[in-house]
Amino acid sequence: MRSLKRVLLVVAVLLLVLAILAFVLENQQSVSLLFLGLAGPQLPVSVVVVVALLTGMLIGPLIGWLVSRTVRARRRHSV
């Protein structure tokens, strides 16, 4: 049973890697982002999307942690 789970995990990881590879290879057009009047460097679309994804994956849990910390602090002071 353990070996079946490992095989399924390996297959799932390989499929994920293949999907990411296909995304990167299909999105090689260069773009330059303009934000608040500042122009960024010319980068492939896939790089921009992956950086945005990773930034969101870091900011989301950080905001959740800060909110839960604030809620806990309010509970302690109200009791």
Protein backbone atom coordinates (compact mmCIF):
# COMPACT_ATOMS: atom_id res chain seq x y z
CA MET A 1 0.00 0.00 0.00
CA ARG A 2 2.85 2.39 0.79
CA SER A 3 4.50 1.77 -2.56
CA LEU A 4 1.21 2.53 -4.36
CA LYS A 5 0.97 5.86 -2.54
CA ARG A 6 4.56 6.67 -3.48
CA VAL A 7 3.95 5.79 -7.12
CA LEU A 8 0.81 7.95 -7.20
CA LEU A 9 2.70 10.81 -5.56
CA VAL A 10 5.53 10.54 -8.08
CA VAL A 11 3.05 10.48 -10.97
CA ALA A 12 1.23 13.54 -9.58
CA VAL A 13 4.50 15.45 -9.15
CA LEU A 14 5.61 14.52 -12.67
CA LEU A 15 2.30 15.70 -14.12
CA LEU A 16 2.64 18.98 -12.23
CA VAL A 17 6.19 19.45 -13.48
CA LEU A 18 5.11 18.72 -17.06
CA ALA A 19 2.24 21.22 -16.79
CA ILE A 20 4.59 23.90 -15.47
CA LEU A 21 7.12 23.15 -18.19
CA ALA A 22 4.44 23.39 -20.88
CA PHE A 23 3.24 26.71 -19.42
CA VAL A 24 6.75 28.15 -19.40
CA LEU A 25 7.52 26.98 -22.93
CA GLU A 26 4.24 28.32 -24.33
CA ASN A 27 4.59 31.77 -22.75
CA GLN A 28 7.93 33.11 -23.93
CA GLN A 29 6.67 36.45 -25.27
CA SER A 30 8.41 39.38 -23.58
CA VAL A 31 6.37 41.96 -21.72
CA SER A 32 7.21 45.04 -19.72
CA LEU A 33 4.96 45.91 -16.80
CA LEU A 34 4.11 49.50 -15.94
CA PHE A 35 3.15 50.14 -12.30
CA LEU A 36 2.72 53.60 -10.78
CA GLY A 37 4.69 55.12 -13.64
CA LEU A 38 7.64 52.76 -13.22
CA ALA A 39 8.42 50.46 -16.12
CA GLY A 40 9.86 47.05 -15.36
CA PRO A 41 12.39 45.14 -17.45
CA GLN A 42 11.37 43.04 -20.46
CA LEU A 43 10.63 39.56 -19.11
CA PRO A 44 8.80 36.53 -20.50
CA VAL A 45 5.12 36.28 -19.52
CA SER A 46 5.78 33.01 -17.69
CA VAL A 47 8.35 34.65 -15.41
CA VAL A 48 5.95 37.48 -14.56
CA VAL A 49 3.14 35.02 -13.76
CA VAL A 50 5.35 32.73 -11.66
CA VAL A 51 6.75 35.69 -9.69
CA ALA A 52 3.20 36.96 -9.07
CA LEU A 53 2.14 33.48 -7.92
CA LEU A 54 5.06 33.10 -5.54
CA THR A 55 4.53 36.60 -4.15
CA GLY A 56 0.88 35.78 -3.46
CA MET A 57 1.86 32.49 -1.85
CA LEU A 58 4.12 34.40 0.53
CA ILE A 59 1.84 37.36 1.26
CA GLY A 60 -1.35 35.31 1.80
CA PRO A 61 -0.11 33.23 4.76
CA LEU A 62 1.66 36.28 6.20
CA ILE A 63 -1.60 38.25 6.25
CA GLY A 64 -3.42 35.24 7.76
CA TRP A 65 -0.79 34.96 10.47
CA LEU A 66 -1.02 38.69 11.28
CA VAL A 67 -4.82 38.58 11.46
CA SER A 68 -4.86 35.51 13.71
CA ARG A 69 -2.25 37.13 15.95
CA THR A 70 -4.36 40.27 16.24
CA VAL A 71 -7.49 38.26 17.04
CA ARG A 72 -5.66 36.29 19.76
CA ALA A 73 -4.30 39.50 21.29
CA ARG A 74 -7.81 41.01 21.40
CA ARG A 75 -9.20 37.88 23.06
CA ARG A 76 -6.52 38.01 25.75
CA HIS A 77 -7.20 41.66 26.54
CA SER A 78 -10.98 41.23 26.63
CA VAL A 79 -10.90 38.32 29.10
